[in-house]
Amino acid sequence: MERNPKAQSSLLLFSLCILSSLVHVHGKKQGEVLDSLYKAKSKKSWIDTSLSQASDHQEILNSRIYRQEGLKEKDRIQGLPGQPPVEFDHYGGYVTVDESAGRAFYYYFAEAGRNKDLMPLLLWLNGGPGCSSLAYGAMQELGPFRVNSDGKTLYRNKFAWNIAANVLFLESPAGVGFSYSNTTSDYSTNGDSKTAVDNYVFLLNWLERFPEYKNRDFYISGESYAGHYVPQLAHNILYNNRKANKTLINLKGIIIGNAVINDETDQSGMYEYFATHALISDETWHAIQKYCNFSPNVTDQVRQCFSATLDADNDVSAIDIYNIYAPLCSSSNLTAHPKPTNIMNFDPCGDSYVHAYMNREDVQEALHANVTKLDHDWEPCSDVVQSWGDSPSTIIPLLQEFMSNGLRVWVFSGDTDGRVPVTSTQRSLSKMNLPTKSPWRPWFIGGEVGGYVQVYKGDLTFATVRGAGHQVPSYQPKRALSLISHFLAGSLLPSK
């Protein structure tokens, strides 16, 4: 696809400044980084908003596939500090994605506890851009462990996704989490296209290290800005499979949650959600509808639009818009002894526990992480990633490509997220003008409504998760496990 940069609306410069000022303890949070990107896209026309071309496998094969013999066993984790007993194997380590630049990505891999040889391979990516899949996906959402309030010990997640798959977590791009580059300029030249290529190179090399997964059914999952990462990686895989005339990576489908997929509807849908959930006044909502145009082609907004969106953002500034009903973290201090835990009860201070745990030397040694002794703390969302060069205004054409190629495509939405809410996703999907295959209905788990689901012709499923915020498995782990299990099985969500 040819690049045609588009001018971005300057509205977001003002409307997102309040949202991105939410109190945080360690670095930035996943949703806050997303706000910062939208702000940058509104200020700087040099951020390319067109879809990029896929990378050429032959070029990569000639220069960026490296020897992996013996590295798998070196990556095996013998046990993490404060870890309870487990019945599965897990691994952690680095995969070089560019030897000449000294660029390497950190991964954590939790194999399935049962029937791992029969289970699919599932990659999980967090968003940002610049946020760690280890911080969120692995340690606060769908991984096998959660960190206790003492920052020293772990407890089991009985709804971990390695019940349903062999789950691979990746920290990317360079500068995120433990991933690094010896070329400093890499941190200022990141963007969607470079991340997609590096993620693809990572996968090719990782599969050389774990060859038993080369022909395994492979799925890609993620949330938030991974609404870009996941489809762009899938696009690279499809392109190179087609070019090589063989299956290099056995991609079967993608699933993305509370995902950034279309700037215009993502933004307008956010304010619609505020209005329909009694977070802003009718007057403010009517003004936004009357005066604001969220199209990426709009370069200027009228004064009344700035005023209305600023009022809206002020109205929601004292709550966590990533789950509008969730409590805030009142004290980020660690406790001398772990507080009683219940995997079903969300702890808003989880970032602090994970930050403390991941910055311990014994933990890093057990994870085979931070081998280069980085000059900064490990953070859930990186301050090292300095700029973002390209970010398409829409990902919808890629979703259409996947459907035409027979990939399974699921989009899910926690219905209490206000940042990339269900209204945004519904409006984005409506842009595709897809005929309905199975009409909107509730789906069930344990005799209760788990959410709602609608299936479109072309194998695209849209599902909500009731009572979940931006990071769905953090808030509703049991429902999230049911969702991913049905996705991987290619089965309908239960109707009763």
Protein backbone atom coordinates (compact mmCIF):
# COMPACT_ATOMS: atom_id res chain seq x y z
CA MET A 1 0.00 0.00 0.00
CA GLU A 2 1.28 3.44 -0.84
CA ARG A 3 1.77 5.96 1.93
CA ASN A 4 -0.46 9.02 1.89
CA PRO A 5 0.01 10.94 5.17
CA LYS A 6 -3.15 12.69 6.32
CA ALA A 7 -3.50 15.83 8.39
CA GLN A 8 -4.77 15.17 11.90
CA SER A 9 -7.33 17.09 13.94
CA SER A 10 -5.82 19.46 16.50
CA LEU A 11 -8.85 18.92 18.75
CA LEU A 12 -7.11 16.11 20.64
CA LEU A 13 -4.35 18.46 21.81
CA PHE A 14 -6.83 19.93 24.27
CA SER A 15 -9.38 17.18 24.80
CA LEU A 16 -6.83 14.56 25.85
CA CYS A 17 -4.67 16.66 28.16
CA ILE A 18 -7.04 16.14 31.09
CA LEU A 19 -7.35 12.38 30.50
CA SER A 20 -3.59 11.92 30.35
CA SER A 21 -3.09 13.66 33.70
CA LEU A 22 -4.63 10.87 35.78
CA VAL A 23 -2.56 10.09 38.87
CA HIS A 24 -0.11 7.24 38.47
CA VAL A 25 2.70 5.85 40.53
CA HIS A 26 5.34 4.26 38.34
CA GLY A 27 5.80 5.65 34.84
CA LYS A 28 2.81 5.76 32.52
CA LYS A 29 -0.18 3.47 32.27
CA GLN A 30 -1.32 1.71 29.11
CA GLY A 31 -4.28 3.98 28.41
CA GLU A 32 -2.35 7.14 29.26
CA VAL A 33 0.25 6.34 26.62
CA LEU A 34 -2.56 5.96 24.10
CA ASP A 35 -3.78 9.44 25.04
CA SER A 36 -0.27 10.80 24.47
CA LEU A 37 -0.12 9.25 21.00
CA TYR A 38 -3.45 10.79 19.99
CA LYS A 39 -2.15 14.12 21.24
CA ALA A 40 1.02 13.76 19.18
CA LYS A 41 -0.95 12.78 16.08
CA SER A 42 -2.99 15.96 16.43
CA LYS A 43 0.13 18.14 16.78
CA LYS A 44 2.57 16.64 14.28
CA SER A 45 1.60 16.05 10.69
CA TRP A 46 4.82 14.06 10.17
CA ILE A 47 3.28 11.07 11.95
CA ASP A 48 2.37 8.90 8.97
CA THR A 49 -1.26 7.79 9.21
CA SER A 50 -1.36 5.47 6.18
CA LEU A 51 -1.06 1.70 6.21
CA SER A 52 2.45 0.43 5.50
CA GLN A 53 3.68 -2.37 3.27
CA ALA A 54 4.54 -5.75 4.72
CA SER A 55 8.19 -6.75 5.05
CA ASP A 56 9.75 -9.15 2.56
CA HIS A 57 10.60 -12.53 4.08
CA GLN A 58 13.48 -13.28 1.72
CA GLU A 59 15.25 -10.10 2.75
CA ILE A 60 14.77 -11.06 6.41
CA LEU A 61 15.81 -14.66 5.79
CA ASN A 62 19.07 -13.50 4.25
CA SER A 63 20.12 -11.29 7.13
CA ARG A 64 18.02 -11.58 10.30
CA ILE A 65 17.50 -15.26 11.07
CA TYR A 66 20.05 -16.35 13.67
CA ARG A 67 21.27 -19.63 15.18
CA GLN A 68 19.08 -20.81 18.06
CA GLU A 69 20.64 -24.17 18.98
CA GLY A 70 20.78 -24.78 22.74
CA LEU A 71 19.08 -21.52 23.67
CA LYS A 72 15.71 -23.03 24.58
CA GLU A 73 17.07 -24.95 27.56
CA LYS A 74 19.02 -21.90 28.71
CA ASP A 75 15.73 -20.00 28.76
CA ARG A 76 13.94 -22.56 30.95
CA ILE A 77 12.85 -20.93 34.23
CA GLN A 78 13.65 -23.14 37.20
CA GLY A 79 11.45 -21.13 39.54
CA LEU A 80 10.64 -17.51 40.29
CA PRO A 81 11.16 -15.93 43.72
CA GLY A 82 8.04 -16.38 45.82
CA GLN A 83 6.45 -18.64 43.20
CA PRO A 84 3.90 -21.29 44.21
CA PRO A 85 4.29 -24.81 42.78
CA VAL A 86 3.27 -25.23 39.14
CA GLU A 87 2.58 -28.13 36.79
CA PHE A 88 3.75 -26.43 33.58
CA ASP A 89 7.06 -25.42 32.03
CA HIS A 90 7.85 -21.76 31.53
CA TYR A 91 10.65 -19.93 29.78
CA GLY A 92 12.05 -16.43 29.56
CA GLY A 93 14.84 -14.84 27.60
CA TYR A 94 15.96 -12.71 24.70
CA VAL A 95 15.57 -13.16 20.97
CA THR A 96 17.79 -11.02 18.75
CA VAL A 97 15.80 -9.26 16.02
CA ASP A 98 18.66 -7.22 14.55
CA GLU A 99 22.21 -8.36 15.28
CA SER A 100 23.91 -5.39 13.62
CA ALA A 101 21.94 -2.91 15.75
CA GLY A 102 22.16 -5.05 18.89
CA ARG A 103 18.36 -5.09 19.16
CA ALA A 104 16.76 -7.88 21.19
CA PHE A 105 13.24 -8.52 22.49
CA TYR A 106 12.37 -10.14 25.80
CA TYR A 107 9.73 -12.86 25.94
CA TYR A 108 8.00 -14.92 28.63
CA PHE A 109 6.39 -18.20 27.62
CA ALA A 110 4.01 -20.30 29.73
CA GLU A 111 3.26 -23.70 28.25
CA ALA A 112 -0.08 -25.34 28.86
CA GLY A 113 -0.28 -27.41 32.02
CA ARG A 114 -2.08 -30.25 30.25
CA ASN A 115 -1.86 -31.56 26.70
CA LYS A 116 0.64 -28.91 25.67
CA ASP A 117 1.49 -30.89 22.53
CA LEU A 118 -2.14 -30.62 21.38
CA MET A 119 -2.74 -27.02 22.40
CA PRO A 120 -2.36 -24.07 20.00
CA LEU A 121 0.24 -21.34 20.34
CA LEU A 122 -1.17 -17.96 21.38
CA LEU A 123 0.82 -14.72 21.27
CA TRP A 124 -0.33 -11.87 23.53
CA LEU A 125 0.61 -8.24 22.88
CA ASN A 126 -0.17 -5.23 25.04
CA GLY A 127 -0.53 -1.75 23.65
CA GLY A 128 0.49 1.74 24.56
CA PRO A 129 2.40 2.08 22.31
CA GLY A 130 5.28 1.34 24.63
CA CYS A 131 3.63 -0.83 27.30
CA SER A 132 4.81 -4.21 28.49
CA SER A 133 3.01 -7.49 27.87
CA LEU A 134 4.86 -8.80 30.92
CA ALA A 135 3.51 -5.99 33.13
CA TYR A 136 -0.09 -6.30 32.07
CA GLY A 137 -0.86 -9.47 30.13
CA ALA A 138 1.42 -11.83 32.04
CA MET A 139 1.29 -10.40 35.57
CA GLN A 140 -2.06 -8.62 35.87
CA GLU A 141 -4.37 -10.22 33.34
CA LEU A 142 -4.10 -13.67 31.77
CA GLY A 143 -0.75 -15.06 32.89
CA PRO A 144 -0.34 -17.90 35.38
CA PHE A 145 0.64 -15.63 38.29
CA ARG A 146 -0.34 -12.39 40.01
CA VAL A 147 1.97 -10.42 42.32
CA ASN A 148 1.01 -10.10 45.98
CA SER A 149 0.84 -6.74 47.78
CA ASP A 150 4.25 -7.37 49.38
CA GLY A 151 5.92 -7.12 45.96
CA LYS A 152 7.87 -10.27 46.81
CA THR A 153 5.58 -13.26 46.32
CA LEU A 154 3.23 -14.62 43.68
CA TYR A 155 -0.12 -16.37 43.73
CA ARG A 156 -1.79 -18.49 41.06
CA ASN A 157 -4.32 -17.21 38.56
CA LYS A 158 -6.78 -20.08 38.32
CA PHE A 159 -8.21 -18.54 35.14
CA ALA A 160 -4.87 -18.24 33.32
CA TRP A 161 -5.04 -18.63 29.58
CA ASN A 162 -2.41 -21.37 29.55
CA ILE A 163 -5.32 -23.58 30.52
CA ALA A 164 -6.47 -23.20 26.90
CA ALA A 165 -3.21 -22.59 24.99
CA ASN A 166 0.55 -22.30 25.13
CA VAL A 167 0.85 -18.56 25.77
CA LEU A 168 3.71 -16.35 24.59
CA PHE A 169 4.14 -12.80 25.92
CA LEU A 170 6.37 -10.33 24.06
CA GLU A 171 7.80 -6.98 25.15
CA SER A 172 8.12 -4.81 22.05
CA PRO A 173 9.36 -2.55 20.54
CA ALA A 174 12.93 -1.99 21.78
CA GLY A 175 12.85 0.14 24.90
CA VAL A 176 9.75 -1.53 26.32
CA GLY A 177 10.25 -3.50 29.52
CA PHE A 178 13.42 -5.57 29.32
CA SER A 179 13.71 -5.31 25.52
CA TYR A 180 16.62 -3.18 24.39
CA SER A 181 18.84 -1.94 21.60
CA ASN A 182 22.53 -1.10 21.60
CA THR A 183 21.74 1.53 18.96
CA THR A 184 20.35 4.53 20.81
CA SER A 185 18.62 5.93 17.73
CA ASP A 186 16.31 2.90 17.73
CA TYR A 187 14.44 4.46 20.64
CA SER A 188 13.58 7.55 18.61
CA THR A 189 12.68 5.78 15.35
CA ASN A 190 9.94 3.44 16.56
CA GLY A 191 6.57 3.21 14.87
CA ASP A 192 3.93 0.76 13.72
CA SER A 193 5.74 -0.51 10.62
CA LYS A 194 9.09 -1.07 12.36
CA THR A 195 7.37 -2.80 15.27
CA ALA A 196 5.46 -5.10 12.89
CA VAL A 197 8.66 -6.12 11.10
CA ASP A 198 10.57 -6.69 14.34
CA ASN A 199 7.70 -8.71 15.81
CA TYR A 200 7.68 -10.86 12.67
CA VAL A 201 11.45 -11.36 12.86
CA PHE A 202 11.06 -12.26 16.53
CA LEU A 203 8.50 -14.94 15.68
CA LEU A 204 10.62 -16.52 12.95
CA ASN A 205 13.60 -16.74 15.30
CA TRP A 206 11.55 -17.88 18.29
CA LEU A 207 10.10 -20.72 16.22
CA GLU A 208 13.66 -21.79 15.36
CA ARG A 209 14.35 -21.90 19.11
CA PHE A 210 11.10 -23.80 19.78
CA PRO A 211 10.79 -25.86 16.56
CA GLU A 212 8.05 -28.08 17.99
CA TYR A 213 5.68 -25.12 17.52
CA LYS A 214 6.54 -24.44 13.87
CA ASN A 215 3.47 -26.18 12.46
CA ARG A 216 1.21 -25.56 15.44
CA ASP A 217 -2.02 -23.61 14.98
CA PHE A 218 -1.06 -20.02 15.80
CA TYR A 219 -3.25 -17.17 17.02
CA ILE A 220 -2.45 -13.55 17.89
CA SER A 221 -4.22 -11.67 20.67
CA GLY A 222 -3.93 -8.32 22.38
CA GLU A 223 -5.66 -5.22 23.65
CA SER A 224 -5.71 -1.43 23.35
CA TYR A 225 -3.05 -0.23 20.86
CA ALA A 226 -2.45 -3.89 20.03
CA GLY A 227 -5.46 -3.20 17.82
CA HIS A 228 -2.65 -1.98 15.54
CA TYR A 229 0.11 -4.44 16.51
CA VAL A 230 -1.94 -7.62 16.09
CA PRO A 231 -3.40 -6.93 12.62
CA GLN A 232 -0.11 -5.52 11.31
CA LEU A 233 1.80 -8.61 12.43
CA ALA A 234 -0.89 -10.85 10.94
CA HIS A 235 -0.64 -8.87 7.68
CA ASN A 236 3.12 -9.53 7.55
CA ILE A 237 2.57 -13.23 8.18
CA LEU A 238 -0.05 -13.57 5.44
CA TYR A 239 2.04 -11.58 2.97
CA ASN A 240 5.15 -13.68 3.49
CA ASN A 241 3.29 -17.00 3.51
CA ARG A 242 1.82 -16.01 0.15
CA LYS A 243 5.15 -14.79 -1.24
CA ALA A 244 6.97 -17.96 -0.17
CA ASN A 245 4.09 -20.10 -1.48
CA LYS A 246 4.16 -22.09 1.74
CA THR A 247 3.10 -21.79 5.36
CA LEU A 248 5.98 -20.15 7.21
CA ILE A 249 3.79 -19.41 10.23
CA ASN A 250 0.52 -21.32 10.63
CA LEU A 251 -1.69 -18.33 11.45
CA LYS A 252 -5.34 -19.24 12.05
CA GLY A 253 -6.88 -16.13 13.56
CA ILE A 254 -6.66 -12.96 15.62
CA ILE A 255 -8.56 -11.62 18.63
CA ILE A 256 -8.31 -8.02 19.88
CA GLY A 257 -9.92 -6.38 22.89
CA ASN A 258 -10.94 -2.75 23.54
CA ALA A 259 -8.85 -2.18 20.48
CA VAL A 260 -7.74 0.97 18.70
CA ILE A 261 -8.83 0.33 15.11
CA ASN A 262 -10.25 3.57 13.69
CA ASP A 263 -9.29 6.99 15.04
CA GLU A 264 -12.47 8.82 14.05
CA THR A 265 -14.94 6.43 15.65
CA ASP A 266 -12.64 5.59 18.56
CA GLN A 267 -12.71 9.25 19.56
CA SER A 268 -16.36 10.06 18.87
CA GLY A 269 -17.42 6.79 20.51
CA MET A 270 -15.60 7.74 23.70
CA TYR A 271 -17.70 10.87 24.15
CA GLU A 272 -20.83 8.95 23.21
CA TYR A 273 -20.01 6.49 25.99
CA PHE A 274 -19.51 9.32 28.49
CA ALA A 275 -22.92 10.70 27.54
CA THR A 276 -24.79 7.40 27.71
CA HIS A 277 -23.27 6.52 31.10
CA ALA A 278 -24.19 9.76 32.89
CA LEU A 279 -20.61 11.02 33.03
CA ILE A 280 -21.19 14.27 31.13
CA SER A 281 -24.18 16.57 30.78
CA ASP A 282 -26.70 16.52 27.96
CA GLU A 283 -25.61 20.05 27.08
CA THR A 284 -21.98 19.02 26.69
CA TRP A 285 -22.89 15.99 24.58
CA HIS A 286 -25.17 18.00 22.32
CA ALA A 287 -22.39 20.57 21.81
CA ILE A 288 -19.90 17.83 20.89
CA GLN A 289 -22.36 16.37 18.39
CA LYS A 290 -23.09 19.79 16.90
CA TYR A 291 -19.62 21.31 16.69
CA CYS A 292 -17.04 18.48 16.55
CA ASN A 293 -15.84 16.56 13.51
CA PHE A 294 -13.44 13.76 14.45
CA SER A 295 -12.44 12.89 10.89
CA PRO A 296 -8.63 12.61 10.52
CA ASN A 297 -8.92 14.95 7.53
CA VAL A 298 -10.09 17.84 9.71
CA THR A 299 -7.22 20.17 10.59
CA ASP A 300 -9.12 22.66 12.74
CA GLN A 301 -12.02 22.55 15.15
CA VAL A 302 -14.24 25.44 16.10
CA ARG A 303 -13.95 27.05 19.51
CA GLN A 304 -17.26 25.53 20.70
CA CYS A 305 -15.88 22.04 20.10
CA PHE A 306 -12.74 22.72 22.12
CA SER A 307 -14.86 24.05 24.95
CA ALA A 308 -17.28 21.11 24.96
CA THR A 309 -14.61 18.41 24.88
CA LEU A 310 -12.65 20.18 27.61
CA ASP A 311 -15.79 20.23 29.77
CA ALA A 312 -16.28 16.51 29.13
CA ASP A 313 -12.72 15.64 30.00
CA ASN A 314 -12.91 17.68 33.19
CA ASP A 315 -16.08 15.84 34.17
CA VAL A 316 -14.37 12.43 34.01
CA SER A 317 -10.96 13.48 35.36
CA ALA A 318 -11.61 12.20 38.90
CA ILE A 319 -12.50 8.63 37.91
CA ASP A 320 -10.61 5.82 36.22
CA ILE A 321 -12.02 5.96 32.70
CA TYR A 322 -10.39 2.60 31.90
CA ASN A 323 -13.04 1.11 34.17
CA ILE A 324 -15.57 3.75 35.11
CA TYR A 325 -16.83 1.76 38.11
CA ALA A 326 -13.47 0.60 39.49
CA PRO A 327 -11.87 1.99 42.68
CA LEU A 328 -8.72 4.07 42.48
CA CYS A 329 -5.45 3.06 44.14
CA SER A 330 -5.51 4.92 47.47
CA SER A 331 -2.08 3.75 48.63
CA SER A 332 0.65 2.30 46.47
CA ASN A 333 2.79 1.30 49.46
CA LEU A 334 3.79 -2.34 49.64
CA THR A 335 2.66 -4.36 52.65
CA ALA A 336 4.89 -6.33 55.01
CA HIS A 337 2.71 -9.39 54.48
CA PRO A 338 0.51 -10.21 51.49
CA LYS A 339 -3.07 -9.02 51.72
CA PRO A 340 -5.73 -11.73 51.31
CA THR A 341 -6.24 -12.37 47.61
CA ASN A 342 -9.22 -13.22 45.46
CA ILE A 343 -8.58 -13.47 41.74
CA MET A 344 -12.12 -12.20 41.13
CA ASN A 345 -11.51 -8.94 43.02
CA PHE A 346 -9.59 -6.31 41.04
CA ASP A 347 -6.76 -4.58 42.95
CA PRO A 348 -6.18 -1.07 41.52
CA CYS A 349 -2.65 -0.96 42.97
CA GLY A 350 -1.39 -3.93 40.95
CA ASP A 351 1.02 -1.78 38.90
CA SER A 352 2.96 -0.97 42.08
CA TYR A 353 3.26 -4.61 43.12
CA VAL A 354 4.47 -5.67 39.67
CA HIS A 355 6.92 -2.75 39.45
CA ALA A 356 8.51 -3.72 42.77
CA TYR A 357 8.70 -7.41 41.85
CA MET A 358 10.17 -6.93 38.38
CA ASN A 359 12.90 -4.58 39.60
CA ARG A 360 14.32 -7.13 42.06
CA GLU A 361 17.67 -8.54 40.96
CA ASP A 362 16.76 -12.10 41.98
CA VAL A 363 13.58 -11.93 39.89
CA GLN A 364 15.44 -10.61 36.86
CA GLU A 365 18.05 -13.33 37.24
CA ALA A 366 15.37 -16.04 37.43
CA LEU A 367 13.64 -14.59 34.35
CA HIS A 368 16.96 -14.38 32.45
CA ALA A 369 16.15 -10.69 32.03
CA ASN A 370 18.11 -7.42 32.10
CA VAL A 371 21.30 -9.16 31.04
CA THR A 372 22.76 -5.88 29.74
CA LYS A 373 22.05 -4.03 33.02
CA LEU A 374 19.84 -1.29 31.62
CA ASP A 375 20.40 2.24 32.92
CA HIS A 376 16.75 2.63 33.90
CA ASP A 377 14.13 0.81 35.95
CA TRP A 378 11.83 -1.69 34.34
CA GLU A 379 8.49 0.10 33.90
CA PRO A 380 5.00 -1.11 32.93
CA CYS A 381 4.99 1.57 30.21
CA SER A 382 8.26 2.87 28.86
CA ASP A 383 9.73 6.34 29.14
CA VAL A 384 12.55 5.17 26.86
CA VAL A 385 10.44 5.00 23.70
CA GLN A 386 10.82 8.63 22.69
CA SER A 387 8.68 9.09 19.59
CA TRP A 388 6.36 7.25 17.22
CA GLY A 389 6.84 7.69 13.49
CA ASP A 390 3.78 6.07 11.93
CA SER A 391 0.30 5.18 13.17
CA PRO A 392 -2.44 4.50 10.59
CA SER A 393 -5.71 6.33 11.16
CA THR A 394 -7.58 3.07 10.51
CA ILE A 395 -6.89 -0.67 10.63
CA ILE A 396 -10.22 -1.67 9.10
CA PRO A 397 -8.73 -2.63 5.68
CA LEU A 398 -6.57 -5.24 7.41
CA LEU A 399 -9.57 -6.79 9.15
CA GLN A 400 -11.27 -7.02 5.76
CA GLU A 401 -8.14 -8.65 4.31
CA PHE A 402 -8.14 -11.31 7.02
CA MET A 403 -11.78 -12.16 6.47
CA SER A 404 -11.20 -12.56 2.74
CA ASN A 405 -8.29 -14.92 3.54
CA GLY A 406 -10.35 -17.14 5.82
CA LEU A 407 -8.83 -16.07 9.14
CA ARG A 408 -10.93 -16.17 12.28
CA VAL A 409 -11.41 -12.59 13.51
CA TRP A 410 -12.86 -11.76 16.93
CA VAL A 411 -13.16 -8.31 18.47
CA PHE A 412 -14.17 -8.07 22.13
CA SER A 413 -14.97 -5.19 24.43
CA GLY A 414 -15.12 -4.84 28.20
CA ASP A 415 -18.29 -2.83 28.67
CA THR A 416 -17.08 -0.59 31.53
CA ASP A 417 -14.05 0.79 29.66
CA GLY A 418 -14.51 4.46 28.85
CA ARG A 419 -11.27 4.99 26.91
CA VAL A 420 -11.78 2.62 23.96
CA PRO A 421 -15.36 1.76 24.86
CA VAL A 422 -17.91 -0.59 23.39
CA THR A 423 -19.52 2.35 21.55
CA SER A 424 -16.24 3.09 19.76
CA THR A 425 -15.85 -0.52 18.68
CA GLN A 426 -19.45 -0.75 17.51
CA ARG A 427 -19.11 2.42 15.43
CA SER A 428 -15.80 1.22 13.98
CA LEU A 429 -17.21 -2.15 12.96
CA SER A 430 -20.26 -0.48 11.43
CA LYS A 431 -17.88 1.21 8.97
CA MET A 432 -17.32 -2.24 7.46
CA ASN A 433 -21.01 -2.58 6.45
CA LEU A 434 -21.03 -6.29 7.17
CA PRO A 435 -24.23 -8.33 6.91
CA THR A 436 -25.24 -10.08 10.13
CA LYS A 437 -24.91 -13.85 10.33
CA SER A 438 -26.09 -14.28 13.93
CA PRO A 439 -27.98 -11.40 15.60
CA TRP A 440 -27.10 -9.72 18.88
CA ARG A 441 -27.80 -11.94 21.91
CA PRO A 442 -26.51 -12.59 25.42
CA TRP A 443 -23.87 -15.23 26.06
CA PHE A 444 -23.67 -17.13 29.33
CA ILE A 445 -21.22 -18.63 31.80
CA GLY A 446 -22.22 -20.30 35.06
CA GLY A 447 -25.87 -19.42 34.54
CA GLU A 448 -25.12 -15.68 34.29
CA VAL A 449 -24.83 -13.34 31.34
CA GLY A 450 -21.14 -13.07 30.48
CA GLY A 451 -21.76 -10.41 27.86
CA TYR A 452 -23.35 -10.05 24.44
CA VAL A 453 -22.30 -11.31 21.03
CA GLN A 454 -23.02 -10.71 17.36
CA VAL A 455 -21.54 -12.65 14.44
CA TYR A 456 -21.06 -11.15 10.99
CA LYS A 457 -20.75 -12.91 7.65
CA GLY A 458 -17.11 -13.45 6.81
CA ASP A 459 -16.24 -14.98 10.21
CA LEU A 460 -16.01 -11.81 12.28
CA THR A 461 -17.38 -12.06 15.83
CA PHE A 462 -17.97 -9.10 18.13
CA ALA A 463 -18.43 -9.91 21.82
CA THR A 464 -18.76 -7.81 24.95
CA VAL A 465 -17.62 -8.87 28.40
CA ARG A 466 -19.99 -7.69 31.10
CA GLY A 467 -18.43 -5.81 33.99
CA ALA A 468 -14.94 -5.63 32.48
CA GLY A 469 -12.81 -2.57 31.87
CA HIS A 470 -10.02 -1.82 29.41
CA GLN A 471 -7.93 -4.83 30.55
CA VAL A 472 -10.70 -7.41 30.38
CA PRO A 473 -8.97 -10.38 32.09
CA SER A 474 -8.00 -8.18 35.07
CA TYR A 475 -11.62 -7.44 35.91
CA GLN A 476 -13.44 -10.55 34.69
CA PRO A 477 -10.89 -13.38 34.52
CA LYS A 478 -13.42 -16.22 34.43
CA ARG A 479 -15.43 -14.66 31.61
CA ALA A 480 -12.24 -13.80 29.73
CA LEU A 481 -11.07 -17.43 29.90
CA SER A 482 -14.42 -18.60 28.55
CA LEU A 483 -14.15 -16.08 25.73
CA ILE A 484 -10.64 -17.12 24.64
CA SER A 485 -11.46 -20.83 24.97
CA HIS A 486 -14.40 -20.51 22.59
CA PHE A 487 -12.37 -18.38 20.20
CA LEU A 488 -9.57 -20.96 20.02
CA ALA A 489 -12.07 -23.78 19.58
CA GLY A 490 -13.90 -21.89 16.84
CA SER A 491 -17.17 -22.38 18.70
CA LEU A 492 -20.05 -20.05 19.47
CA LEU A 493 -20.25 -18.45 22.88
CA PRO A 494 -22.88 -20.30 24.97
CA SER A 495 -26.48 -19.18 24.52
CA LYS A 496 -27.54 -20.44 27.94
